[in-house]
Amino acid sequence: MREIRCAVVDIDRYLEEAARAKQQHDAERWREELRPRALRLFAARTTKLTWSRALLKLIVDELYPDDLFTELIGNLDRVPRRQWPRVLAIAVALRHSWRRDGLARVARRLRVSLATTSNSAASRRQSRRRHTRPSRKRFSGSPRPRQGSPLRFDPAKRGLRP
């Protein structure tokens, strides 16, 4: 009886090793021969691929978002197309936000400010002052008298007929 049991164990071990060797061989063949051909075909057939909800969902699934994603976005089937870049940005941010510097790096690359609301309003005011063209309103309270010609030409003030 012992001999039969040992023979069965040996056969099982042999079959397992053969199955493992076949799986390894198939995986190597896939990587080296079949995968490059299949991906070339895939690439050729996706030349006219456009944004679709299926593509959006596939990308989001690849980023493995947690429950916070659903809390922030809601149901992906109800997100309008114009919001898809925002959805992807949030999914990427969630993926990299396990450390503060990861989230900061994503925000910097996407040029998204992480400033708090109170700081954000102050920086907006400062940036508006620095980057906007001077307007008439801005100088109306100036202690200096206006110089040069007026911005609008009024023929009646000049003594001319319209």
N, C-alpha and C. Protein backbone atom coordinates (compact mmCIF):
# COMPACT_ATOMS: atom_id res chain seq x y z
N MET A 1 0.82 -1.18 0.00
CA MET A 1 0.00 0.00 0.00
C MET A 1 0.87 1.26 0.00
N ARG A 2 1.97 1.19 0.77
CA ARG A 2 2.88 2.32 0.82
C ARG A 2 3.46 2.63 -0.54
N GLU A 3 3.80 1.64 -1.28
CA GLU A 3 4.39 1.84 -2.60
C GLU A 3 3.42 2.54 -3.54
N ILE A 4 2.17 2.20 -3.47
CA ILE A 4 1.16 2.83 -4.33
C ILE A 4 1.02 4.30 -3.95
N ARG A 5 0.98 4.57 -2.64
CA ARG A 5 0.84 5.95 -2.17
C ARG A 5 2.03 6.79 -2.63
N CYS A 6 3.25 6.26 -2.52
CA CYS A 6 4.46 6.97 -2.96
C CYS A 6 4.42 7.20 -4.46
N ALA A 7 3.94 6.24 -5.22
CA ALA A 7 3.86 6.39 -6.67
C ALA A 7 2.86 7.49 -7.04
N VAL A 8 1.75 7.54 -6.32
CA VAL A 8 0.73 8.58 -6.59
C VAL A 8 1.30 9.95 -6.27
N VAL A 9 2.02 10.07 -5.14
CA VAL A 9 2.63 11.35 -4.77
C VAL A 9 3.66 11.76 -5.82
N ASP A 10 4.47 10.81 -6.28
CA ASP A 10 5.46 11.12 -7.31
C ASP A 10 4.80 11.57 -8.60
N ILE A 11 3.72 10.92 -8.98
CA ILE A 11 3.00 11.29 -10.21
C ILE A 11 2.40 12.69 -10.05
N ASP A 12 1.80 12.95 -8.90
CA ASP A 12 1.22 14.28 -8.65
C ASP A 12 2.29 15.37 -8.73
N ARG A 13 3.43 15.11 -8.10
CA ARG A 13 4.53 16.07 -8.12
C ARG A 13 5.01 16.29 -9.56
N TYR A 14 5.12 15.19 -10.31
CA TYR A 14 5.57 15.28 -11.70
C TYR A 14 4.58 16.09 -12.53
N LEU A 15 3.28 15.85 -12.35
CA LEU A 15 2.26 16.59 -13.10
C LEU A 15 2.25 18.08 -12.73
N GLU A 16 2.43 18.39 -11.45
CA GLU A 16 2.49 19.79 -11.01
C GLU A 16 3.68 20.50 -11.62
N GLU A 17 4.84 19.83 -11.60
CA GLU A 17 6.05 20.45 -12.18
C GLU A 17 5.89 20.64 -13.68
N ALA A 18 5.27 19.68 -14.34
CA ALA A 18 5.04 19.79 -15.79
C ALA A 18 4.08 20.95 -16.09
N ALA A 19 3.04 21.06 -15.28
CA ALA A 19 2.08 22.15 -15.48
C ALA A 19 2.75 23.50 -15.25
N ARG A 20 3.57 23.61 -14.20
CA ARG A 20 4.30 24.84 -13.91
C ARG A 20 5.26 25.19 -15.05
N ALA A 21 5.97 24.19 -15.56
CA ALA A 21 6.90 24.42 -16.67
C ALA A 21 6.15 24.89 -17.92
N LYS A 22 4.99 24.30 -18.18
CA LYS A 22 4.19 24.72 -19.34
C LYS A 22 3.71 26.16 -19.17
N GLN A 23 3.23 26.50 -17.98
CA GLN A 23 2.79 27.89 -17.73
C GLN A 23 3.94 28.86 -17.92
N GLN A 24 5.12 28.51 -17.43
CA GLN A 24 6.28 29.38 -17.57
C GLN A 24 6.66 29.54 -19.05
N HIS A 25 6.62 28.44 -19.78
CA HIS A 25 6.93 28.48 -21.21
C HIS A 25 5.91 29.34 -21.96
N ASP A 26 4.63 29.17 -21.64
CA ASP A 26 3.58 29.96 -22.29
C ASP A 26 3.74 31.45 -21.97
N ALA A 27 4.08 31.76 -20.72
CA ALA A 27 4.26 33.16 -20.34
C ALA A 27 5.45 33.78 -21.07
N GLU A 28 6.55 33.04 -21.17
CA GLU A 28 7.72 33.55 -21.90
C GLU A 28 7.41 33.75 -23.38
N ARG A 29 6.69 32.80 -23.98
CA ARG A 29 6.32 32.93 -25.39
C ARG A 29 5.41 34.13 -25.59
N TRP A 30 4.49 34.33 -24.67
CA TRP A 30 3.60 35.49 -24.75
C TRP A 30 4.41 36.78 -24.73
N ARG A 31 5.31 36.91 -23.75
CA ARG A 31 6.10 38.14 -23.60
C ARG A 31 7.02 38.37 -24.79
N GLU A 32 7.67 37.34 -25.27
CA GLU A 32 8.70 37.51 -26.29
C GLU A 32 8.15 37.54 -27.72
N GLU A 33 7.13 36.74 -28.02
CA GLU A 33 6.65 36.62 -29.39
C GLU A 33 5.27 37.23 -29.61
N LEU A 34 4.31 36.77 -28.84
CA LEU A 34 2.92 37.12 -29.11
C LEU A 34 2.53 38.53 -28.65
N ARG A 35 3.00 38.94 -27.49
CA ARG A 35 2.64 40.25 -26.94
C ARG A 35 3.03 41.40 -27.85
N PRO A 36 4.28 41.45 -28.36
CA PRO A 36 4.64 42.57 -29.25
C PRO A 36 3.75 42.64 -30.49
N ARG A 37 3.44 41.48 -31.08
CA ARG A 37 2.56 41.48 -32.26
C ARG A 37 1.15 41.94 -31.90
N ALA A 38 0.63 41.44 -30.80
CA ALA A 38 -0.73 41.80 -30.39
C ALA A 38 -0.81 43.30 -30.07
N LEU A 39 0.21 43.85 -29.42
CA LEU A 39 0.19 45.28 -29.09
C LEU A 39 0.38 46.16 -30.32
N ARG A 40 1.16 45.71 -31.30
CA ARG A 40 1.27 46.46 -32.57
C ARG A 40 -0.09 46.51 -33.26
N LEU A 41 -0.78 45.40 -33.28
CA LEU A 41 -2.12 45.35 -33.87
C LEU A 41 -3.07 46.26 -33.10
N PHE A 42 -3.02 46.17 -31.77
CA PHE A 42 -3.86 47.03 -30.92
C PHE A 42 -3.57 48.51 -31.20
N ALA A 43 -2.29 48.88 -31.25
CA ALA A 43 -1.90 50.27 -31.50
C ALA A 43 -2.39 50.73 -32.87
N ALA A 44 -2.30 49.88 -33.87
CA ALA A 44 -2.76 50.26 -35.21
C ALA A 44 -4.27 50.47 -35.24
N ARG A 45 -4.99 49.72 -34.47
CA ARG A 45 -6.45 49.81 -34.48
C ARG A 45 -7.00 50.87 -33.54
N THR A 46 -6.14 51.52 -32.76
CA THR A 46 -6.60 52.58 -31.86
C THR A 46 -6.26 53.96 -32.37
N THR A 47 -5.82 54.08 -33.62
CA THR A 47 -5.41 55.39 -34.13
C THR A 47 -6.56 56.40 -34.13
N LYS A 48 -7.77 55.95 -34.28
CA LYS A 48 -8.91 56.87 -34.32
C LYS A 48 -9.75 56.79 -33.05
N LEU A 49 -9.18 56.26 -32.01
CA LEU A 49 -9.89 56.14 -30.73
C LEU A 49 -10.14 57.53 -30.16
N THR A 50 -11.33 57.77 -29.69
CA THR A 50 -11.67 59.06 -29.07
C THR A 50 -12.04 58.81 -27.61
N TRP A 51 -12.18 59.92 -26.87
CA TRP A 51 -12.57 59.81 -25.47
C TRP A 51 -13.94 59.16 -25.39
N SER A 52 -14.05 58.21 -24.50
CA SER A 52 -15.33 57.55 -24.26
C SER A 52 -15.44 57.26 -22.77
N ARG A 53 -16.65 57.02 -22.35
CA ARG A 53 -16.84 56.71 -20.93
C ARG A 53 -16.13 55.40 -20.58
N ALA A 54 -16.09 54.46 -21.53
CA ALA A 54 -15.39 53.19 -21.29
C ALA A 54 -13.90 53.43 -21.06
N LEU A 55 -13.29 54.32 -21.85
CA LEU A 55 -11.87 54.64 -21.67
C LEU A 55 -11.64 55.34 -20.34
N LEU A 56 -12.52 56.28 -20.01
CA LEU A 56 -12.42 56.98 -18.72
C LEU A 56 -12.46 55.97 -17.57
N LYS A 57 -13.43 55.06 -17.60
CA LYS A 57 -13.57 54.09 -16.53
C LYS A 57 -12.36 53.16 -16.46
N LEU A 58 -11.84 52.78 -17.61
CA LEU A 58 -10.66 51.90 -17.65
C LEU A 58 -9.46 52.57 -17.00
N ILE A 59 -9.24 53.84 -17.32
CA ILE A 59 -8.11 54.57 -16.73
C ILE A 59 -8.30 54.73 -15.22
N VAL A 60 -9.50 55.11 -14.82
CA VAL A 60 -9.77 55.27 -13.38
C VAL A 60 -9.57 53.94 -12.66
N ASP A 61 -10.06 52.84 -13.23
CA ASP A 61 -9.87 51.53 -12.60
C ASP A 61 -8.39 51.18 -12.47
N GLU A 62 -7.59 51.55 -13.46
CA GLU A 62 -6.15 51.27 -13.40
C GLU A 62 -5.45 52.03 -12.29
N LEU A 63 -6.03 53.13 -11.85
CA LEU A 63 -5.42 53.93 -10.78
C LEU A 63 -5.87 53.48 -9.39
N TYR A 64 -6.76 52.50 -9.30
CA TYR A 64 -7.24 51.94 -8.04
C TYR A 64 -7.66 53.00 -7.03
N PRO A 65 -8.65 53.82 -7.35
CA PRO A 65 -9.07 54.84 -6.38
C PRO A 65 -9.78 54.21 -5.19
N ASP A 66 -9.69 54.89 -4.05
CA ASP A 66 -10.34 54.37 -2.85
C ASP A 66 -11.75 54.99 -2.72
N ASP A 67 -12.36 54.80 -1.56
CA ASP A 67 -13.72 55.29 -1.33
C ASP A 67 -13.81 56.81 -1.39
N LEU A 68 -12.72 57.49 -1.10
CA LEU A 68 -12.72 58.94 -1.16
C LEU A 68 -13.01 59.43 -2.58
N PHE A 69 -12.59 58.67 -3.59
CA PHE A 69 -12.86 59.02 -4.98
C PHE A 69 -14.36 59.10 -5.22
N THR A 70 -15.09 58.09 -4.78
CA THR A 70 -16.55 58.08 -4.95
C THR A 70 -17.19 59.23 -4.19
N GLU A 71 -16.64 59.54 -3.02
CA GLU A 71 -17.16 60.66 -2.24
C GLU A 71 -16.96 61.99 -2.97
N LEU A 72 -15.80 62.15 -3.62
CA LEU A 72 -15.48 63.39 -4.32
C LEU A 72 -16.18 63.50 -5.68
N ILE A 73 -16.28 62.41 -6.40
CA ILE A 73 -16.77 62.42 -7.77
C ILE A 73 -18.22 61.95 -7.89
N GLY A 74 -18.57 60.94 -7.13
CA GLY A 74 -19.89 60.35 -7.27
C GLY A 74 -19.86 59.24 -8.31
N ASN A 75 -20.98 59.00 -8.94
CA ASN A 75 -21.12 57.95 -9.94
C ASN A 75 -20.47 58.40 -11.25
N LEU A 76 -19.51 57.62 -11.75
CA LEU A 76 -18.82 57.98 -13.00
C LEU A 76 -19.77 58.05 -14.18
N ASP A 77 -20.87 57.30 -14.14
CA ASP A 77 -21.82 57.33 -15.25
C ASP A 77 -22.56 58.66 -15.35
N ARG A 78 -22.50 59.44 -14.30
CA ARG A 78 -23.22 60.73 -14.31
C ARG A 78 -22.31 61.94 -14.48
N VAL A 79 -21.03 61.71 -14.61
CA VAL A 79 -20.08 62.82 -14.77
C VAL A 79 -20.10 63.27 -16.22
N PRO A 80 -20.34 64.56 -16.48
CA PRO A 80 -20.35 65.03 -17.87
C PRO A 80 -18.95 65.00 -18.49
N ARG A 81 -18.89 64.90 -19.79
CA ARG A 81 -17.62 64.77 -20.53
C ARG A 81 -16.67 65.92 -20.22
N ARG A 82 -17.17 67.13 -20.05
CA ARG A 82 -16.29 68.27 -19.78
C ARG A 82 -15.57 68.16 -18.45
N GLN A 83 -16.06 67.27 -17.55
CA GLN A 83 -15.45 67.07 -16.24
C GLN A 83 -14.45 65.91 -16.23
N TRP A 84 -14.28 65.20 -17.34
CA TRP A 84 -13.39 64.03 -17.36
C TRP A 84 -11.95 64.37 -17.02
N PRO A 85 -11.39 65.48 -17.49
CA PRO A 85 -10.01 65.79 -17.06
C PRO A 85 -9.92 65.95 -15.54
N ARG A 86 -10.92 66.56 -14.94
CA ARG A 86 -10.95 66.74 -13.49
C ARG A 86 -11.00 65.39 -12.79
N VAL A 87 -11.83 64.48 -13.30
CA VAL A 87 -11.96 63.14 -12.73
C VAL A 87 -10.61 62.42 -12.76
N LEU A 88 -9.93 62.48 -13.90
CA LEU A 88 -8.64 61.81 -14.01
C LEU A 88 -7.60 62.45 -13.11
N ALA A 89 -7.63 63.77 -13.01
CA ALA A 89 -6.68 64.47 -12.13
C ALA A 89 -6.90 64.06 -10.68
N ILE A 90 -8.15 63.94 -10.26
CA ILE A 90 -8.45 63.54 -8.89
C ILE A 90 -8.01 62.09 -8.65
N ALA A 91 -8.24 61.22 -9.62
CA ALA A 91 -7.83 59.82 -9.47
C ALA A 91 -6.30 59.71 -9.35
N VAL A 92 -5.59 60.48 -10.16
CA VAL A 92 -4.12 60.47 -10.09
C VAL A 92 -3.67 61.05 -8.75
N ALA A 93 -4.30 62.13 -8.33
CA ALA A 93 -3.94 62.75 -7.05
C ALA A 93 -4.17 61.78 -5.88
N LEU A 94 -5.28 61.06 -5.92
CA LEU A 94 -5.54 60.07 -4.86
C LEU A 94 -4.46 58.99 -4.87
N ARG A 95 -4.06 58.58 -6.03
CA ARG A 95 -3.04 57.53 -6.16
C ARG A 95 -1.71 57.97 -5.55
N HIS A 96 -1.39 59.26 -5.66
CA HIS A 96 -0.10 59.76 -5.19
C HIS A 96 -0.18 60.50 -3.85
N SER A 97 -1.34 60.51 -3.22
CA SER A 97 -1.51 61.34 -2.03
C SER A 97 -1.27 60.61 -0.71
N TRP A 98 -0.69 59.45 -0.74
CA TRP A 98 -0.43 58.75 0.52
C TRP A 98 0.63 59.46 1.33
N ARG A 99 1.43 60.27 0.65
CA ARG A 99 2.38 61.16 1.34
C ARG A 99 2.13 62.57 0.86
N ARG A 100 2.32 63.55 1.73
CA ARG A 100 2.05 64.95 1.40
C ARG A 100 2.86 65.42 0.19
N ASP A 101 4.12 65.02 0.12
CA ASP A 101 4.95 65.48 -0.98
C ASP A 101 4.50 64.88 -2.32
N GLY A 102 3.87 63.70 -2.29
CA GLY A 102 3.34 63.11 -3.52
C GLY A 102 2.20 63.94 -4.07
N LEU A 103 1.28 64.34 -3.21
CA LEU A 103 0.17 65.19 -3.63
C LEU A 103 0.69 66.54 -4.11
N ALA A 104 1.65 67.10 -3.40
CA ALA A 104 2.21 68.39 -3.79
C ALA A 104 2.86 68.31 -5.17
N ARG A 105 3.53 67.21 -5.44
CA ARG A 105 4.20 67.02 -6.74
C ARG A 105 3.16 66.96 -7.87
N VAL A 106 2.07 66.21 -7.66
CA VAL A 106 1.01 66.12 -8.67
C VAL A 106 0.37 67.49 -8.88
N ALA A 107 0.08 68.19 -7.80
CA ALA A 107 -0.54 69.51 -7.91
C ALA A 107 0.37 70.48 -8.67
N ARG A 108 1.65 70.42 -8.38
CA ARG A 108 2.60 71.31 -9.06
C ARG A 108 2.65 71.01 -10.56
N ARG A 109 2.69 69.73 -10.92
CA ARG A 109 2.75 69.35 -12.34
C ARG A 109 1.49 69.74 -13.09
N LEU A 110 0.34 69.70 -12.41
CA LEU A 110 -0.92 70.07 -13.05
C LEU A 110 -1.26 71.54 -12.85
N ARG A 111 -0.37 72.25 -12.16
CA ARG A 111 -0.56 73.68 -11.86
C ARG A 111 -1.88 73.92 -11.11
N VAL A 112 -2.09 73.10 -10.09
CA VAL A 112 -3.26 73.23 -9.22
C VAL A 112 -2.77 73.71 -7.87
N SER A 113 -3.36 74.80 -7.39
CA SER A 113 -2.94 75.37 -6.12
C SER A 113 -3.50 74.56 -4.96
N LEU A 114 -2.68 74.33 -3.97
CA LEU A 114 -3.12 73.66 -2.75
C LEU A 114 -3.25 74.66 -1.59
N ALA A 115 -3.21 75.95 -1.91
CA ALA A 115 -3.33 76.97 -0.87
C ALA A 115 -4.73 76.91 -0.26
N THR A 116 -4.81 77.22 1.02
CA THR A 116 -6.12 77.23 1.67
C THR A 116 -6.93 78.42 1.20
N THR A 117 -8.21 78.45 1.49
CA THR A 117 -9.11 79.48 0.99
C THR A 117 -8.67 80.87 1.40
N SER A 118 -8.29 81.08 2.65
CA SER A 118 -7.90 82.43 3.09
C SER A 118 -6.62 82.87 2.39
N ASN A 119 -5.65 81.97 2.26
CA ASN A 119 -4.41 82.31 1.55
C ASN A 119 -4.68 82.49 0.07
N SER A 120 -5.60 81.71 -0.46
CA SER A 120 -5.89 81.74 -1.89
C SER A 120 -6.47 83.09 -2.30
N ALA A 121 -7.40 83.64 -1.50
CA ALA A 121 -8.01 84.93 -1.83
C ALA A 121 -6.96 86.04 -1.81
N ALA A 122 -6.08 86.00 -0.84
CA ALA A 122 -5.02 87.02 -0.75
C ALA A 122 -4.07 86.92 -1.94
N SER A 123 -3.69 85.70 -2.29
CA SER A 123 -2.76 85.56 -3.42
C SER A 123 -3.43 85.95 -4.73
N ARG A 124 -4.75 85.71 -4.86
CA ARG A 124 -5.46 86.13 -6.07
C ARG A 124 -5.46 87.64 -6.19
N ARG A 125 -5.68 88.32 -5.06
CA ARG A 125 -5.68 89.79 -5.09
C ARG A 125 -4.31 90.31 -5.49
N GLN A 126 -3.27 89.72 -4.91
CA GLN A 126 -1.91 90.16 -5.25
C GLN A 126 -1.60 89.89 -6.70
N SER A 127 -1.95 88.71 -7.21
CA SER A 127 -1.63 88.39 -8.59
C SER A 127 -2.42 89.27 -9.55
N ARG A 128 -3.65 89.65 -9.17
CA ARG A 128 -4.43 90.53 -10.02
C ARG A 128 -3.75 91.89 -10.12
N ARG A 129 -3.21 92.38 -9.03
CA ARG A 129 -2.53 93.66 -9.03
C ARG A 129 -1.28 93.64 -9.90
N ARG A 130 -0.55 92.57 -9.81
CA ARG A 130 0.71 92.50 -10.54
C ARG A 130 0.53 92.25 -12.03
N HIS A 131 -0.48 91.46 -12.41
CA HIS A 131 -0.54 90.98 -13.77
C HIS A 131 -1.59 91.65 -14.64
N THR A 132 -2.42 92.53 -14.09
CA THR A 132 -3.43 93.16 -14.93
C THR A 132 -2.94 94.49 -15.44
N ARG A 133 -3.52 94.92 -16.54
CA ARG A 133 -3.15 96.22 -17.08
C ARG A 133 -3.76 97.31 -16.21
N PRO A 134 -3.08 98.44 -16.09
CA PRO A 134 -3.67 99.51 -15.28
C PRO A 134 -4.97 99.98 -15.92
N SER A 135 -5.94 100.21 -15.10
CA SER A 135 -7.22 100.68 -15.63
C SER A 135 -7.48 102.09 -15.12
N ARG A 136 -8.43 102.73 -15.71
CA ARG A 136 -8.78 104.10 -15.33
C ARG A 136 -9.24 104.13 -13.88
N LYS A 137 -10.01 103.12 -13.46
CA LYS A 137 -10.50 103.06 -12.08
C LYS A 137 -9.37 103.06 -11.08
N ARG A 138 -8.34 102.34 -11.37
CA ARG A 138 -7.25 102.20 -10.44
C ARG A 138 -6.59 103.53 -10.15
N PHE A 139 -6.48 104.40 -11.14
CA PHE A 139 -5.80 105.66 -10.96
C PHE A 139 -6.73 106.80 -10.58
N SER A 140 -8.05 106.53 -10.51
CA SER A 140 -8.98 107.62 -10.22
C SER A 140 -8.78 108.19 -8.83
N GLY A 141 -8.30 107.42 -7.90
CA GLY A 141 -8.08 107.92 -6.55
C GLY A 141 -6.67 108.45 -6.35
N SER A 142 -5.91 108.56 -7.41
CA SER A 142 -4.52 108.98 -7.31
C SER A 142 -4.45 110.46 -6.93
N PRO A 143 -3.52 110.84 -6.07
CA PRO A 143 -3.38 112.26 -5.70
C PRO A 143 -2.81 113.09 -6.86
N ARG A 144 -2.16 112.47 -7.82
CA ARG A 144 -1.60 113.22 -8.94
C ARG A 144 -2.69 113.55 -9.94
N PRO A 145 -2.64 114.75 -10.54
CA PRO A 145 -3.62 115.07 -11.57
C PRO A 145 -3.33 114.24 -12.82
N ARG A 146 -4.38 113.95 -13.58
CA ARG A 146 -4.21 113.19 -14.82
C ARG A 146 -3.44 114.03 -15.81
N GLN A 147 -2.62 113.36 -16.56
CA GLN A 147 -1.85 114.06 -17.58
C GLN A 147 -2.18 113.49 -18.94
N GLY A 148 -1.95 114.28 -19.99
CA GLY A 148 -2.18 113.80 -21.34
C GLY A 148 -3.63 113.97 -21.75
N SER A 149 -3.95 113.44 -22.89
CA SER A 149 -5.31 113.60 -23.42
C SER A 149 -6.25 112.62 -22.75
N PRO A 150 -7.56 112.97 -22.73
CA PRO A 150 -8.53 112.05 -22.14
C PRO A 150 -8.64 110.78 -22.98
N LEU A 151 -9.12 109.74 -22.36
CA LEU A 151 -9.24 108.46 -23.06
C LEU A 151 -10.33 108.51 -24.13
N ARG A 152 -11.38 109.27 -23.88
CA ARG A 152 -12.46 109.37 -24.86
C ARG A 152 -12.47 110.78 -25.44
N PHE A 153 -12.63 110.84 -26.73
CA PHE A 153 -12.68 112.14 -27.41
C PHE A 153 -14.12 112.61 -27.45
N ASP A 154 -14.38 113.78 -26.85
CA ASP A 154 -15.72 114.34 -26.84
C ASP A 154 -15.68 115.63 -27.68
N PRO A 155 -16.28 115.62 -28.87
CA PRO A 155 -16.21 116.80 -29.75
C PRO A 155 -16.84 118.05 -29.13
N ALA A 156 -17.90 117.89 -28.30
CA ALA A 156 -18.57 119.05 -27.70
C ALA A 156 -17.63 119.76 -26.75
N LYS A 157 -16.79 119.06 -26.02
CA LYS A 157 -15.86 119.69 -25.08
C LYS A 157 -14.77 120.43 -25.84
N ARG A 158 -14.49 120.03 -27.03
CA ARG A 158 -13.44 120.66 -27.82
C ARG A 158 -13.97 121.83 -28.66
N GLY A 159 -15.27 122.08 -28.56
CA GLY A 159 -15.85 123.17 -29.34
C GLY A 159 -16.10 122.81 -30.80
N LEU A 160 -16.16 121.54 -31.09
CA LEU A 160 -16.40 121.08 -32.46
C LEU A 160 -17.83 120.58 -32.58
N ARG A 161 -18.35 120.65 -33.81
CA ARG A 161 -19.68 120.11 -34.03
C ARG A 161 -19.59 118.62 -34.32
N PRO A 162 -20.54 117.85 -33.81
CA PRO A 162 -20.50 116.41 -34.08
C PRO A 162 -20.89 116.06 -35.49
